[in-house]
Amino acid sequence: MKLTYNSSKDELAHYLFIQGDLIGDEVGPKLVEIVSDAILDGAKTFVIDLSEVRYISSSGIGLLITMLTKMRNVGGEVYLTAPSEHVKKLLIITKLNNIFTVFDSVDDFKKQA
C-alpha cells in the first residue's frame, strides 16, 4: 500500500500522520525533511501517528531512528502514537519500544504533554 502523509503543528508539537506501508521508499527522505524543517522551525517535540500504518520494513525502522536522532541532536524528542498490534509487536521485537515513548493516541499524548 503506497505511503501518504500529512503534517500539522500546534502549541504542543509538530505532527506527522502516516498512512500506508512505511518501507523507506522514495517518500522516506521527504519524511526526514519534514523533521528537519520542524527543527529549523524551533520544534522540540515531534509526534508520529502510526494509526494508519499497517507494515514497517527494516528501512522504515531506519527512518524512524533517523528522525529520532535528528530531534535528539537538538535536545528534542519524537513520540509515536497509535501503532497497530502488528506494529506494536515489531517495536517490541526490535526493542524500539524502549527507545521511543509510545502513546495509544494523539489525544493521549496531548493529555500527558
N, C-alpha and C. Protein backbone atom coordinates (compact mmCIF):
# COMPACT_ATOMS: atom_id res chain seq x y z
N MET A 1 0.84 -1.18 0.00
CA MET A 1 0.00 0.00 0.00
C MET A 1 0.88 1.24 0.00
N LYS A 2 0.67 2.13 -0.93
CA LYS A 2 1.50 3.32 -1.08
C LYS A 2 1.39 4.22 0.15
N LEU A 3 2.51 4.80 0.50
CA LEU A 3 2.58 5.66 1.67
C LEU A 3 2.13 7.07 1.32
N THR A 4 1.24 7.60 2.13
CA THR A 4 0.89 9.01 2.04
C THR A 4 1.03 9.60 3.44
N TYR A 5 1.10 10.89 3.52
CA TYR A 5 1.28 11.52 4.83
C TYR A 5 0.77 12.95 4.78
N ASN A 6 0.51 13.48 5.95
CA ASN A 6 0.28 14.91 6.08
C ASN A 6 0.83 15.34 7.44
N SER A 7 1.11 16.61 7.55
CA SER A 7 1.70 17.10 8.80
C SER A 7 0.97 18.34 9.26
N SER A 8 1.09 18.60 10.54
CA SER A 8 0.48 19.79 11.13
C SER A 8 1.26 20.14 12.39
N LYS A 9 0.89 21.23 13.01
CA LYS A 9 1.52 21.59 14.28
C LYS A 9 0.55 22.38 15.13
N ASP A 10 0.78 22.33 16.43
CA ASP A 10 0.04 23.17 17.36
C ASP A 10 1.02 23.66 18.42
N GLU A 11 0.51 24.19 19.52
CA GLU A 11 1.41 24.74 20.54
C GLU A 11 2.21 23.67 21.27
N LEU A 12 1.78 22.40 21.18
CA LEU A 12 2.47 21.31 21.88
C LEU A 12 3.56 20.66 21.06
N ALA A 13 3.30 20.49 19.74
CA ALA A 13 4.21 19.68 18.93
C ALA A 13 3.97 19.86 17.44
N HIS A 14 4.89 19.30 16.67
CA HIS A 14 4.69 19.09 15.24
C HIS A 14 4.19 17.65 15.09
N TYR A 15 3.29 17.42 14.16
CA TYR A 15 2.70 16.09 13.98
C TYR A 15 2.90 15.60 12.55
N LEU A 16 3.13 14.30 12.44
CA LEU A 16 3.22 13.65 11.13
C LEU A 16 2.25 12.47 11.15
N PHE A 17 1.27 12.51 10.26
CA PHE A 17 0.28 11.43 10.16
C PHE A 17 0.62 10.61 8.92
N ILE A 18 0.95 9.35 9.13
CA ILE A 18 1.37 8.48 8.03
C ILE A 18 0.27 7.47 7.74
N GLN A 19 0.00 7.26 6.45
CA GLN A 19 -0.96 6.23 6.03
C GLN A 19 -0.27 5.31 5.03
N GLY A 20 -0.43 3.99 5.22
CA GLY A 20 0.15 3.03 4.27
C GLY A 20 1.28 2.24 4.89
N ASP A 21 2.18 1.76 4.03
CA ASP A 21 3.32 0.94 4.48
C ASP A 21 4.56 1.81 4.57
N LEU A 22 5.21 1.79 5.73
CA LEU A 22 6.43 2.56 5.94
C LEU A 22 7.61 1.68 5.55
N ILE A 23 8.04 1.80 4.29
CA ILE A 23 9.09 0.91 3.80
C ILE A 23 10.34 1.67 3.36
N GLY A 24 10.37 2.97 3.62
CA GLY A 24 11.58 3.73 3.33
C GLY A 24 11.83 3.90 1.84
N ASP A 25 10.78 3.90 1.04
CA ASP A 25 10.94 4.09 -0.41
C ASP A 25 11.22 5.57 -0.71
N GLU A 26 10.82 6.03 -1.87
CA GLU A 26 11.15 7.41 -2.26
C GLU A 26 10.52 8.46 -1.35
N VAL A 27 9.51 8.08 -0.57
CA VAL A 27 8.88 9.03 0.35
C VAL A 27 9.75 9.24 1.60
N GLY A 28 10.59 8.28 1.93
CA GLY A 28 11.41 8.32 3.13
C GLY A 28 12.18 9.62 3.33
N PRO A 29 12.96 10.06 2.33
CA PRO A 29 13.70 11.32 2.51
C PRO A 29 12.78 12.52 2.75
N LYS A 30 11.57 12.49 2.19
CA LYS A 30 10.62 13.59 2.41
C LYS A 30 10.18 13.62 3.88
N LEU A 31 10.00 12.44 4.48
CA LEU A 31 9.60 12.38 5.89
C LEU A 31 10.71 12.94 6.79
N VAL A 32 11.96 12.58 6.48
CA VAL A 32 13.08 13.10 7.25
C VAL A 32 13.18 14.61 7.08
N GLU A 33 12.89 15.08 5.86
CA GLU A 33 12.92 16.52 5.59
C GLU A 33 11.88 17.26 6.43
N ILE A 34 10.72 16.65 6.65
CA ILE A 34 9.68 17.27 7.49
C ILE A 34 10.22 17.48 8.91
N VAL A 35 10.95 16.49 9.42
CA VAL A 35 11.55 16.63 10.75
C VAL A 35 12.60 17.73 10.73
N SER A 36 13.45 17.73 9.70
CA SER A 36 14.49 18.77 9.59
C SER A 36 13.87 20.16 9.53
N ASP A 37 12.79 20.31 8.77
CA ASP A 37 12.10 21.60 8.68
C ASP A 37 11.51 22.00 10.03
N ALA A 38 10.97 21.01 10.75
CA ALA A 38 10.40 21.29 12.08
C ALA A 38 11.50 21.78 13.03
N ILE A 39 12.68 21.17 12.93
CA ILE A 39 13.81 21.58 13.77
C ILE A 39 14.19 23.03 13.45
N LEU A 40 14.26 23.35 12.16
CA LEU A 40 14.58 24.72 11.74
C LEU A 40 13.53 25.70 12.25
N ASP A 41 12.30 25.20 12.40
CA ASP A 41 11.19 26.00 12.90
C ASP A 41 11.22 26.12 14.43
N GLY A 42 12.19 25.46 15.06
CA GLY A 42 12.34 25.53 16.51
C GLY A 42 11.64 24.43 17.29
N ALA A 43 11.16 23.40 16.59
CA ALA A 43 10.42 22.31 17.27
C ALA A 43 11.33 21.51 18.17
N LYS A 44 10.80 21.12 19.32
CA LYS A 44 11.50 20.21 20.24
C LYS A 44 10.69 18.94 20.46
N THR A 45 9.44 18.95 20.01
CA THR A 45 8.56 17.79 20.19
C THR A 45 7.95 17.43 18.84
N PHE A 46 8.10 16.16 18.47
CA PHE A 46 7.59 15.68 17.18
C PHE A 46 6.82 14.40 17.43
N VAL A 47 5.59 14.34 16.93
CA VAL A 47 4.72 13.18 17.15
C VAL A 47 4.44 12.53 15.80
N ILE A 48 4.71 11.22 15.73
CA ILE A 48 4.43 10.46 14.50
C ILE A 48 3.26 9.54 14.79
N ASP A 49 2.14 9.79 14.10
CA ASP A 49 0.94 8.97 14.28
C ASP A 49 1.01 7.77 13.34
N LEU A 50 0.96 6.57 13.93
CA LEU A 50 1.08 5.33 13.16
C LEU A 50 -0.26 4.60 13.04
N SER A 51 -1.35 5.26 13.36
CA SER A 51 -2.65 4.56 13.39
C SER A 51 -3.04 4.00 12.04
N GLU A 52 -2.56 4.59 10.94
CA GLU A 52 -2.92 4.12 9.60
C GLU A 52 -1.77 3.35 8.93
N VAL A 53 -0.75 2.99 9.71
CA VAL A 53 0.39 2.23 9.17
C VAL A 53 0.17 0.76 9.48
N ARG A 54 0.18 -0.07 8.42
CA ARG A 54 -0.05 -1.49 8.69
C ARG A 54 1.22 -2.31 8.63
N TYR A 55 2.30 -1.76 8.05
CA TYR A 55 3.54 -2.52 7.91
C TYR A 55 4.72 -1.56 7.96
N ILE A 56 5.80 -1.97 8.63
CA ILE A 56 7.05 -1.20 8.65
C ILE A 56 8.18 -2.16 8.31
N SER A 57 8.96 -1.83 7.28
CA SER A 57 10.12 -2.65 6.90
C SER A 57 11.34 -2.21 7.72
N SER A 58 12.45 -2.90 7.52
CA SER A 58 13.68 -2.51 8.21
C SER A 58 14.10 -1.10 7.79
N SER A 59 13.87 -0.75 6.53
CA SER A 59 14.18 0.62 6.08
C SER A 59 13.28 1.63 6.77
N GLY A 60 12.01 1.26 7.00
CA GLY A 60 11.08 2.12 7.72
C GLY A 60 11.53 2.35 9.15
N ILE A 61 12.04 1.28 9.78
CA ILE A 61 12.58 1.41 11.14
C ILE A 61 13.76 2.37 11.12
N GLY A 62 14.61 2.24 10.10
CA GLY A 62 15.75 3.14 9.96
C GLY A 62 15.31 4.60 9.86
N LEU A 63 14.20 4.83 9.14
CA LEU A 63 13.66 6.19 9.01
C LEU A 63 13.24 6.73 10.37
N LEU A 64 12.52 5.91 11.14
CA LEU A 64 12.08 6.35 12.47
C LEU A 64 13.28 6.70 13.34
N ILE A 65 14.32 5.88 13.29
CA ILE A 65 15.52 6.12 14.10
C ILE A 65 16.23 7.39 13.63
N THR A 66 16.29 7.60 12.31
CA THR A 66 16.91 8.82 11.77
C THR A 66 16.17 10.05 12.28
N MET A 67 14.83 10.01 12.24
CA MET A 67 14.04 11.14 12.72
C MET A 67 14.28 11.39 14.20
N LEU A 68 14.32 10.31 14.98
CA LEU A 68 14.56 10.42 16.42
C LEU A 68 15.94 11.02 16.68
N THR A 69 16.94 10.54 15.96
CA THR A 69 18.31 11.03 16.15
C THR A 69 18.40 12.52 15.84
N LYS A 70 17.77 12.95 14.74
CA LYS A 70 17.79 14.37 14.38
C LYS A 70 17.19 15.22 15.50
N MET A 71 16.06 14.77 16.04
CA MET A 71 15.41 15.55 17.11
C MET A 71 16.25 15.54 18.39
N ARG A 72 16.78 14.38 18.76
CA ARG A 72 17.56 14.31 20.00
C ARG A 72 18.85 15.12 19.90
N ASN A 73 19.40 15.24 18.69
CA ASN A 73 20.62 16.03 18.50
C ASN A 73 20.41 17.51 18.81
N VAL A 74 19.16 17.97 18.79
CA VAL A 74 18.87 19.37 19.13
C VAL A 74 18.10 19.45 20.46
N GLY A 75 18.17 18.37 21.25
CA GLY A 75 17.51 18.38 22.55
C GLY A 75 16.02 18.12 22.49
N GLY A 76 15.55 17.57 21.37
CA GLY A 76 14.13 17.31 21.20
C GLY A 76 13.79 15.84 21.40
N GLU A 77 12.55 15.50 21.12
CA GLU A 77 12.07 14.12 21.29
C GLU A 77 11.02 13.79 20.24
N VAL A 78 11.01 12.52 19.82
CA VAL A 78 9.99 12.01 18.90
C VAL A 78 9.13 11.01 19.67
N TYR A 79 7.82 11.17 19.56
CA TYR A 79 6.87 10.25 20.18
C TYR A 79 6.09 9.53 19.08
N LEU A 80 5.75 8.29 19.33
CA LEU A 80 4.93 7.51 18.41
C LEU A 80 3.54 7.36 19.01
N THR A 81 2.51 7.42 18.16
CA THR A 81 1.15 7.24 18.68
C THR A 81 0.40 6.20 17.85
N ALA A 82 -0.47 5.49 18.52
CA ALA A 82 -1.47 4.59 17.94
C ALA A 82 -0.94 3.52 17.01
N PRO A 83 0.15 2.81 17.38
CA PRO A 83 0.59 1.73 16.48
C PRO A 83 -0.41 0.57 16.49
N SER A 84 -0.56 -0.08 15.34
CA SER A 84 -1.42 -1.27 15.25
C SER A 84 -0.78 -2.39 16.07
N GLU A 85 -1.51 -3.48 16.28
CA GLU A 85 -0.96 -4.62 17.02
C GLU A 85 0.30 -5.14 16.33
N HIS A 86 0.25 -5.22 15.00
CA HIS A 86 1.41 -5.71 14.25
C HIS A 86 2.62 -4.79 14.46
N VAL A 87 2.40 -3.50 14.38
CA VAL A 87 3.49 -2.54 14.55
C VAL A 87 3.98 -2.56 16.00
N LYS A 88 3.07 -2.71 16.97
CA LYS A 88 3.47 -2.81 18.38
C LYS A 88 4.41 -3.99 18.59
N LYS A 89 4.06 -5.15 17.99
CA LYS A 89 4.92 -6.34 18.11
C LYS A 89 6.30 -6.07 17.52
N LEU A 90 6.33 -5.39 16.38
CA LEU A 90 7.59 -5.05 15.74
C LEU A 90 8.44 -4.15 16.65
N LEU A 91 7.80 -3.18 17.28
CA LEU A 91 8.52 -2.28 18.19
C LEU A 91 9.11 -3.06 19.37
N ILE A 92 8.38 -4.06 19.85
CA ILE A 92 8.86 -4.87 20.97
C ILE A 92 10.01 -5.77 20.52
N ILE A 93 9.85 -6.44 19.38
CA ILE A 93 10.88 -7.35 18.86
C ILE A 93 12.19 -6.60 18.63
N THR A 94 12.09 -5.40 18.07
CA THR A 94 13.29 -4.62 17.76
C THR A 94 13.78 -3.80 18.96
N LYS A 95 13.06 -3.90 20.07
CA LYS A 95 13.35 -3.16 21.30
C LYS A 95 13.21 -1.64 21.13
N LEU A 96 12.57 -1.22 20.06
CA LEU A 96 12.35 0.21 19.85
C LEU A 96 11.34 0.77 20.85
N ASN A 97 10.55 -0.12 21.45
CA ASN A 97 9.61 0.34 22.48
C ASN A 97 10.37 0.88 23.70
N ASN A 98 11.67 0.53 23.83
CA ASN A 98 12.49 1.06 24.92
C ASN A 98 13.13 2.40 24.54
N ILE A 99 13.16 2.71 23.24
CA ILE A 99 13.81 3.92 22.75
C ILE A 99 12.79 5.03 22.54
N PHE A 100 11.63 4.66 21.97
CA PHE A 100 10.56 5.61 21.72
C PHE A 100 9.53 5.57 22.84
N THR A 101 8.97 6.71 23.17
CA THR A 101 7.79 6.74 24.04
C THR A 101 6.59 6.58 23.13
N VAL A 102 5.73 5.61 23.45
CA VAL A 102 4.58 5.30 22.60
C VAL A 102 3.29 5.62 23.37
N PHE A 103 2.40 6.36 22.72
CA PHE A 103 1.09 6.68 23.29
C PHE A 103 0.02 5.96 22.49
N ASP A 104 -1.11 5.67 23.14
CA ASP A 104 -2.22 4.97 22.47
C ASP A 104 -2.88 5.83 21.39
N SER A 105 -2.80 7.16 21.54
CA SER A 105 -3.41 8.04 20.55
C SER A 105 -2.78 9.42 20.66
N VAL A 106 -3.02 10.26 19.67
CA VAL A 106 -2.56 11.64 19.72
C VAL A 106 -3.20 12.35 20.91
N ASP A 107 -4.47 12.05 21.17
CA ASP A 107 -5.15 12.66 22.32
C ASP A 107 -4.46 12.28 23.63
N ASP A 108 -4.04 11.01 23.75
CA ASP A 108 -3.31 10.60 24.95
C ASP A 108 -2.01 11.39 25.10
N PHE A 109 -1.31 11.60 23.99
CA PHE A 109 -0.09 12.41 24.03
C PHE A 109 -0.42 13.81 24.55
N LYS A 110 -1.47 14.40 24.02
CA LYS A 110 -1.83 15.78 24.39
C LYS A 110 -2.19 15.88 25.87
N LYS A 111 -2.82 14.82 26.42
CA LYS A 111 -3.16 14.82 27.84
C LYS A 111 -1.92 14.76 28.72
N GLN A 112 -0.87 14.05 28.24
CA GLN A 112 0.37 13.88 29.01
C GLN A 112 1.31 15.08 28.88
N ALA A 113 1.15 15.83 27.78
CA ALA A 113 2.12 16.91 27.48
C ALA A 113 2.05 18.06 28.45
